[in-house]
Amino acid sequence: MSTRNKSCFLNSGGGEQRAFEQIYQLYSERIYGRLIRLLKDEDIADSILQDVFLRIWERRAQIDPAQPFKAYLYKIAENFVYDYFRKVARDKKLQVKLRAAAADYYDQIEENIFKKEYEALIGEAILKLPPQRQKVFLLCKIEGKSYEEAASLLGISISTVSNQLVKATKSVKEYVLSANGMAFTVLLVAFKW
C-alpha cells in the first residue's frame, strides 16, 4: 500500500471507525495466529489482541503514515507479549497457569505421537493377516460393519465372518503385544479387541 493510500486509510476524517474496522479485518487473524504460537493460550492471546487494537485506536492520531504500518502493529503486539511474560515472571499464579498450559500442550503432542505409533502398529498387524481375515477385520473392526453386512459383502456365511474375526483379532493382539508389551495391552482392552 503506498504512503498516500495508507494516510487516507488511517486518517479518513469521519470514517475513522470504518478505517479501524478495515485494519482489524486485515491484520487481526495474522496477529492472533502469531500470539497463539507465542503464548500457547487462546484466552491470553484474545486479551492481548484486544489490547493491541485498543492501543491502535487510542494512538490513531499519532500514527506516521510514512512508516510501515504492519511493522508498527507487530511491534505493539510483541511489546504486549514481552509485558505479559514479565508479569508472569513476577506473578506465581500466572506461572502455575503457564506451566499447566505448557504441560497440556506437551501431553496433547505426546498423545498424538502415541496414537500414530499405535495406528501404524495395528496397520502392520492387519497387513500380516491372510487376505480373507484382513477383509473381515477391516470391515467389522475398522469400518464398523455388522457381521451380516460383512458376510453379504464378502459372500460368506455369518459364522465364517465370526470365526475369521476371532482369529484376526487374536493375531492382531499377539502382534501388538509382541511388538510393544504391556503398554498396548491397556489400549487393546480399552478398544475391546
Protein backbone atom coordinates (compact mmCIF):
# COMPACT_ATOMS: atom_id res chain seq x y z
CA MET A 1 0.00 0.00 0.00
CA SER A 2 1.50 3.39 -0.93
CA THR A 3 2.15 6.03 1.72
CA ARG A 4 -0.58 8.23 0.29
CA ASN A 5 -3.15 5.40 0.36
CA LYS A 6 -2.03 4.43 3.85
CA SER A 7 -2.53 8.01 5.02
CA CYS A 8 -6.07 8.03 3.65
CA PHE A 9 -6.68 4.62 5.16
CA LEU A 10 -5.65 5.66 8.67
CA ASN A 11 -6.85 9.26 8.72
CA SER A 12 -10.08 9.12 6.82
CA GLY A 13 -11.76 12.02 8.60
CA GLY A 14 -15.23 10.99 9.72
CA GLY A 15 -14.56 7.41 8.64
CA GLU A 16 -12.05 6.62 11.40
CA GLN A 17 -14.19 3.82 12.75
CA ARG A 18 -14.61 2.31 9.29
CA ALA A 19 -10.85 2.59 8.67
CA PHE A 20 -10.19 0.96 12.03
CA GLU A 21 -12.56 -1.91 11.16
CA GLN A 22 -10.70 -2.40 7.88
CA ILE A 23 -7.38 -2.51 9.72
CA TYR A 24 -8.83 -5.02 12.15
CA GLN A 25 -10.16 -7.19 9.31
CA LEU A 26 -6.83 -7.06 7.50
CA TYR A 27 -4.49 -7.85 10.39
CA SER A 28 -6.32 -9.44 13.33
CA GLU A 29 -6.15 -13.09 12.17
CA ARG A 30 -2.43 -12.91 11.41
CA ILE A 31 -1.62 -11.27 14.71
CA TYR A 32 -3.86 -13.70 16.60
CA GLY A 33 -2.10 -16.67 14.97
CA ARG A 34 1.26 -15.28 15.95
CA LEU A 35 0.06 -14.67 19.52
CA ILE A 36 -1.22 -18.25 19.81
CA ARG A 37 2.16 -19.58 18.64
CA LEU A 38 3.98 -17.44 21.20
CA LEU A 39 1.63 -17.80 24.16
CA LYS A 40 0.02 -21.25 23.69
CA ASP A 41 -3.14 -19.93 25.36
CA GLU A 42 -6.22 -18.72 23.49
CA ASP A 43 -7.63 -16.63 26.36
CA ILE A 44 -4.41 -14.69 26.81
CA ALA A 45 -4.00 -14.29 23.04
CA ASP A 46 -7.57 -12.93 22.81
CA SER A 47 -6.88 -10.44 25.58
CA ILE A 48 -3.62 -9.25 24.06
CA LEU A 49 -5.21 -8.97 20.61
CA GLN A 50 -7.85 -6.66 22.10
CA ASP A 51 -5.13 -4.64 23.81
CA VAL A 52 -3.20 -4.28 20.55
CA PHE A 53 -6.16 -2.89 18.65
CA LEU A 54 -7.22 -0.71 21.56
CA ARG A 55 -3.73 0.80 21.52
CA ILE A 56 -4.01 1.40 17.74
CA TRP A 57 -7.35 3.13 18.25
CA GLU A 58 -6.05 5.26 21.12
CA ARG A 59 -2.95 6.33 19.16
CA ARG A 60 -4.56 6.64 15.75
CA ALA A 61 -3.77 10.36 15.54
CA GLN A 62 -0.07 9.71 16.18
CA ILE A 63 0.40 7.03 13.51
CA ASP A 64 3.02 8.14 11.00
CA PRO A 65 1.75 7.21 7.51
CA ALA A 66 5.34 7.39 6.21
CA GLN A 67 6.28 4.41 8.39
CA PRO A 68 5.33 0.79 7.61
CA PHE A 69 2.05 0.18 9.44
CA LYS A 70 2.36 -3.61 9.58
CA ALA A 71 5.73 -3.40 11.36
CA TYR A 72 4.26 -0.87 13.81
CA LEU A 73 1.33 -3.16 14.54
CA TYR A 74 3.53 -6.24 15.05
CA LYS A 75 5.86 -4.25 17.32
CA ILE A 76 2.91 -3.28 19.53
CA ALA A 77 1.84 -6.93 19.73
CA GLU A 78 5.40 -8.00 20.50
CA ASN A 79 5.65 -5.43 23.31
CA PHE A 80 2.41 -6.69 24.85
CA VAL A 81 3.78 -10.26 24.75
CA TYR A 82 7.00 -9.13 26.46
CA ASP A 83 4.96 -7.29 29.09
CA TYR A 84 2.89 -10.41 29.65
CA PHE A 85 5.97 -12.60 30.15
CA ARG A 86 7.48 -10.02 32.54
CA LYS A 87 4.25 -10.11 34.51
CA VAL A 88 4.32 -13.91 34.52
CA ALA A 89 7.83 -13.83 35.91
CA ARG A 90 6.51 -11.75 38.83
CA ASP A 91 3.19 -13.48 39.32
CA LYS A 92 3.37 -17.00 40.75
CA LYS A 93 -0.27 -17.78 39.92
CA LEU A 94 0.32 -16.99 36.28
CA GLN A 95 3.45 -19.15 36.35
CA VAL A 96 1.35 -22.09 37.53
CA LYS A 97 -1.20 -21.44 34.76
CA LEU A 98 1.55 -21.13 32.14
CA ARG A 99 3.16 -24.39 33.28
CA ALA A 100 -0.22 -26.15 33.18
CA ALA A 101 -0.88 -24.87 29.65
CA ALA A 102 2.57 -25.99 28.53
CA ALA A 103 2.06 -29.41 30.16
CA ASP A 104 -1.33 -29.80 28.45
CA TYR A 105 0.22 -28.83 25.13
CA TYR A 106 3.03 -31.36 25.64
CA ASP A 107 0.54 -34.07 26.67
CA GLN A 108 -1.50 -33.45 23.51
CA ILE A 109 1.59 -33.76 21.34
CA GLU A 110 2.70 -36.89 23.15
CA GLU A 111 -0.78 -38.40 22.87
CA ASN A 112 -0.89 -37.69 19.12
CA ILE A 113 2.52 -39.31 18.63
CA PHE A 114 1.50 -42.33 20.68
CA LYS A 115 -1.76 -42.65 18.74
CA LYS A 116 0.05 -42.51 15.38
CA GLU A 117 2.55 -45.15 16.51
CA TYR A 118 -0.29 -47.34 17.74
CA GLU A 119 -2.23 -46.95 14.49
CA ALA A 120 0.90 -47.80 12.48
CA LEU A 121 1.45 -50.91 14.59
CA ILE A 122 -2.18 -52.01 14.13
CA GLY A 123 -1.80 -51.37 10.38
CA GLU A 124 1.27 -53.61 10.27
CA ALA A 125 -0.58 -56.34 12.17
CA ILE A 126 -3.54 -56.15 9.76
CA LEU A 127 -1.25 -56.41 6.74
CA LYS A 128 0.17 -59.66 8.13
CA LEU A 129 -3.28 -61.30 8.21
CA PRO A 130 -4.36 -63.67 5.44
CA PRO A 131 -6.47 -61.84 2.81
CA GLN A 132 -9.89 -63.12 3.95
CA ARG A 133 -9.21 -62.33 7.63
CA GLN A 134 -7.86 -58.97 6.67
CA LYS A 135 -11.07 -58.11 4.81
CA VAL A 136 -13.26 -59.31 7.68
CA PHE A 137 -11.21 -57.39 10.24
CA LEU A 138 -11.26 -54.18 8.22
CA LEU A 139 -15.00 -54.39 7.57
CA CYS A 140 -16.02 -55.22 11.14
CA LYS A 141 -13.42 -53.52 13.34
CA ILE A 142 -12.31 -50.56 11.26
CA GLU A 143 -15.41 -49.73 9.22
CA GLY A 144 -17.86 -50.82 11.92
CA LYS A 145 -19.93 -53.12 9.70
CA SER A 146 -22.11 -55.80 11.30
CA TYR A 147 -21.36 -59.47 10.80
CA GLU A 148 -24.35 -59.65 8.49
CA GLU A 149 -23.13 -56.74 6.34
CA ALA A 150 -19.61 -58.17 6.15
CA ALA A 151 -20.95 -61.63 5.24
CA SER A 152 -23.10 -60.13 2.49
CA LEU A 153 -20.26 -58.02 1.08
CA LEU A 154 -17.80 -60.93 1.08
CA GLY A 155 -20.26 -63.61 0.01
CA ILE A 156 -19.56 -65.80 3.05
CA SER A 157 -21.62 -67.00 6.00
CA ILE A 158 -22.06 -65.06 9.23
CA SER A 159 -20.36 -67.86 11.18
CA THR A 160 -17.35 -67.63 8.84
CA VAL A 161 -17.19 -63.87 9.50
CA SER A 162 -17.33 -64.58 13.23
CA ASN A 163 -14.60 -67.24 13.07
CA GLN A 164 -12.35 -65.11 10.86
CA LEU A 165 -12.84 -62.09 13.11
CA VAL A 166 -11.94 -64.05 16.26
CA LYS A 167 -8.77 -65.34 14.62
CA ALA A 168 -7.89 -61.93 13.16
CA THR A 169 -8.39 -60.18 16.49
CA LYS A 170 -6.22 -62.74 18.25
CA SER A 171 -3.47 -62.33 15.64
CA VAL A 172 -3.55 -58.52 15.87
CA LYS A 173 -3.38 -58.64 19.69
CA GLU A 174 -0.47 -61.05 19.61
CA TYR A 175 1.40 -58.94 17.08
CA VAL A 176 0.91 -55.76 19.08
CA LEU A 177 1.85 -57.42 22.36
CA SER A 178 4.98 -58.94 20.91
CA ALA A 179 5.98 -55.58 19.44
CA ASN A 180 5.40 -53.39 22.47
CA GLY A 181 4.47 -55.46 25.50
CA MET A 182 2.20 -54.25 28.28
CA ALA A 183 1.82 -50.63 27.16
CA PHE A 184 -0.50 -51.64 24.36
CA THR A 185 -2.39 -54.21 26.42
CA VAL A 186 -4.22 -51.38 28.15
CA LEU A 187 -5.16 -49.86 24.81
CA LEU A 188 -6.36 -53.18 23.43
CA VAL A 189 -8.59 -53.64 26.46
CA ALA A 190 -9.84 -50.06 26.09
CA PHE A 191 -10.72 -50.68 22.43
CA LYS A 192 -12.28 -54.06 23.36
CA TRP A 193 -10.28 -56.04 20.86
